Amino acid sequence: MPSVIRPPSLLRTDWPRTHMFVSKKQVKENMKKCTIVDARAPEVCSGMVKAPFCARASHIPGATCFPVPWMWMEQGLYRDI
């Protein structure tokens, strides 16, 4: 049976969590070295809709769209990916 990992509390006071963001330069430098996961909603990943925290609607070329809600099971636990 996979281990159970609980998602962090949604009641956070340390927003924005800038350590979780990377620059455009960092993405370009690492595109060939790793898989870039875009955890935004599918319509935002595709560039069809602008996220409120973004300057404009955009798509990250080569990124895999894997929205955060897809990572959780109904019980609020992370899926074993």
C-alpha atoms as a PDB file:
ATOM      1  CA  MET A   1       0.000   0.000   0.000  1.00  0.00           C
ATOM      2  CA  PRO A   2       1.430   3.433  -0.929  1.00  0.00           C
ATOM      3  CA  SER A   3       2.316   5.802   1.874  1.00  0.00           C
ATOM      4  CA  VAL A   4      -0.194   8.524   2.654  1.00  0.00           C
ATOM      5  CA  ILE A   5       0.963  12.107   2.206  1.00  0.00           C
ATOM      6  CA  ARG A   6      -1.440  14.805   3.298  1.00  0.00           C
ATOM      7  CA  PRO A   7      -1.542  18.082   1.324  1.00  0.00           C
ATOM      8  CA  PRO A   8      -0.494  21.168   3.234  1.00  0.00           C
ATOM      9  CA  SER A   9      -3.159  23.229   4.942  1.00  0.00           C
ATOM     10  CA  LEU A  10      -4.965  25.655   2.668  1.00  0.00           C
ATOM     11  CA  LEU A  11      -4.977  28.225   5.476  1.00  0.00           C
ATOM     12  CA  ARG A  12      -1.558  29.734   4.874  1.00  0.00           C
ATOM     13  CA  THR A  13      -0.168  33.080   5.868  1.00  0.00           C
ATOM     14  CA  ASP A  14       3.064  33.003   3.837  1.00  0.00           C
ATOM     15  CA  TRP A  15       1.573  34.007   0.464  1.00  0.00           C
ATOM     16  CA  PRO A  16       2.893  34.488  -2.083  1.00  0.00           C
ATOM     17  CA  ARG A  17       5.284  31.587  -1.708  1.00  0.00           C
ATOM     18  CA  THR A  18       7.899  33.035  -4.018  1.00  0.00           C
ATOM     19  CA  HIS A  19      10.271  30.096  -3.463  1.00  0.00           C
ATOM     20  CA  MET A  20       7.845  28.010  -5.543  1.00  0.00           C
ATOM     21  CA  PHE A  21       8.206  30.203  -8.633  1.00  0.00           C
ATOM     22  CA  VAL A  22      10.973  30.169 -11.208  1.00  0.00           C
ATOM     23  CA  SER A  23      12.027  32.765 -13.730  1.00  0.00           C
ATOM     24  CA  LYS A  24      11.641  32.526 -17.485  1.00  0.00           C
ATOM     25  CA  LYS A  25      15.447  32.296 -17.671  1.00  0.00           C
ATOM     26  CA  GLN A  26      15.484  29.270 -15.300  1.00  0.00           C
ATOM     27  CA  VAL A  27      12.838  27.516 -17.392  1.00  0.00           C
ATOM     28  CA  LYS A  28      14.753  28.109 -20.646  1.00  0.00           C
ATOM     29  CA  GLU A  29      18.022  26.892 -19.103  1.00  0.00           C
ATOM     30  CA  ASN A  30      16.464  23.661 -17.825  1.00  0.00           C
ATOM     31  CA  MET A  31      14.002  22.662 -20.598  1.00  0.00           C
ATOM     32  CA  LYS A  32      16.225  19.843 -21.870  1.00  0.00           C
ATOM     33  CA  LYS A  33      17.345  18.689 -18.397  1.00  0.00           C
ATOM     34  CA  CYS A  34      13.987  17.916 -16.805  1.00  0.00           C
ATOM     35  CA  THR A  35      10.245  17.710 -17.281  1.00  0.00           C
ATOM     36  CA  ILE A  36       8.523  21.025 -16.710  1.00  0.00           C
ATOM     37  CA  VAL A  37       5.137  20.530 -15.035  1.00  0.00           C
ATOM     38  CA  ASP A  38       2.598  23.302 -15.396  1.00  0.00           C
ATOM     39  CA  ALA A  39       0.237  22.868 -12.437  1.00  0.00           C
ATOM     40  CA  ARG A  40      -2.198  25.561 -13.563  1.00  0.00           C
ATOM     41  CA  ALA A  41      -5.720  24.733 -14.791  1.00  0.00           C
ATOM     42  CA  PRO A  42      -5.837  23.173 -18.300  1.00  0.00           C
ATOM     43  CA  GLU A  43      -7.381  26.287 -19.861  1.00  0.00           C
ATOM     44  CA  VAL A  44      -4.544  28.373 -18.375  1.00  0.00           C
ATOM     45  CA  CYS A  45      -1.836  25.832 -19.381  1.00  0.00           C
ATOM     46  CA  SER A  46      -3.079  26.019 -22.960  1.00  0.00           C
ATOM     47  CA  GLY A  47      -2.899  29.818 -23.005  1.00  0.00           C
ATOM     48  CA  MET A  48      -6.638  30.180 -23.605  1.00  0.00           C
ATOM     49  CA  VAL A  49      -7.255  31.931 -20.263  1.00  0.00           C
ATOM     50  CA  LYS A  50      -5.073  34.323 -18.252  1.00  0.00           C
ATOM     51  CA  ALA A  51      -4.477  33.348 -14.630  1.00  0.00           C
ATOM     52  CA  PRO A  52      -5.028  36.193 -12.145  1.00  0.00           C
ATOM     53  CA  PHE A  53      -1.375  36.082 -11.043  1.00  0.00           C
ATOM     54  CA  CYS A  54       0.009  36.278 -14.611  1.00  0.00           C
ATOM     55  CA  ALA A  55       0.702  39.362 -16.685  1.00  0.00           C
ATOM     56  CA  ARG A  56      -0.797  37.711 -19.777  1.00  0.00           C
ATOM     57  CA  ALA A  57      -2.211  34.421 -21.032  1.00  0.00           C
ATOM     58  CA  SER A  58       0.589  32.105 -22.060  1.00  0.00           C
ATOM     59  CA  HIS A  59       1.690  28.530 -22.659  1.00  0.00           C
ATOM     60  CA  ILE A  60       5.010  27.043 -21.530  1.00  0.00           C
ATOM     61  CA  PRO A  61       6.409  25.281 -24.622  1.00  0.00           C
ATOM     62  CA  GLY A  62       7.310  21.664 -23.859  1.00  0.00           C
ATOM     63  CA  ALA A  63       5.642  21.675 -20.435  1.00  0.00           C
ATOM     64  CA  THR A  64       3.311  18.912 -19.290  1.00  0.00           C
ATOM     65  CA  CYS A  65      -0.047  20.140 -18.034  1.00  0.00           C
ATOM     66  CA  PHE A  66      -0.797  18.453 -14.698  1.00  0.00           C
ATOM     67  CA  PRO A  67      -3.158  20.664 -12.646  1.00  0.00           C
ATOM     68  CA  VAL A  68      -2.845  20.503  -8.870  1.00  0.00           C
ATOM     69  CA  PRO A  69      -6.403  19.124  -8.334  1.00  0.00           C
ATOM     70  CA  TRP A  70      -5.473  16.071 -10.442  1.00  0.00           C
ATOM     71  CA  MET A  71      -2.801  15.238  -7.853  1.00  0.00           C
ATOM     72  CA  TRP A  72      -5.342  14.691  -5.067  1.00  0.00           C
ATOM     73  CA  MET A  73      -7.759  11.871  -4.319  1.00  0.00           C
ATOM     74  CA  GLU A  74     -11.287  12.522  -3.035  1.00  0.00           C
ATOM     75  CA  GLN A  75     -10.102  12.223   0.576  1.00  0.00           C
ATOM     76  CA  GLY A  76      -7.729  15.163   0.053  1.00  0.00           C
ATOM     77  CA  LEU A  77      -4.669  12.912  -0.054  1.00  0.00           C
ATOM     78  CA  TYR A  78      -1.990  13.048  -2.730  1.00  0.00           C
ATOM     79  CA  ARG A  79      -2.209  10.383  -5.444  1.00  0.00           C
ATOM     80  CA  ASP A  80       0.658   7.939  -5.810  1.00  0.00           C
ATOM     81  CA  ILE A  81       2.058   9.157  -9.109  1.00  0.00           C
END
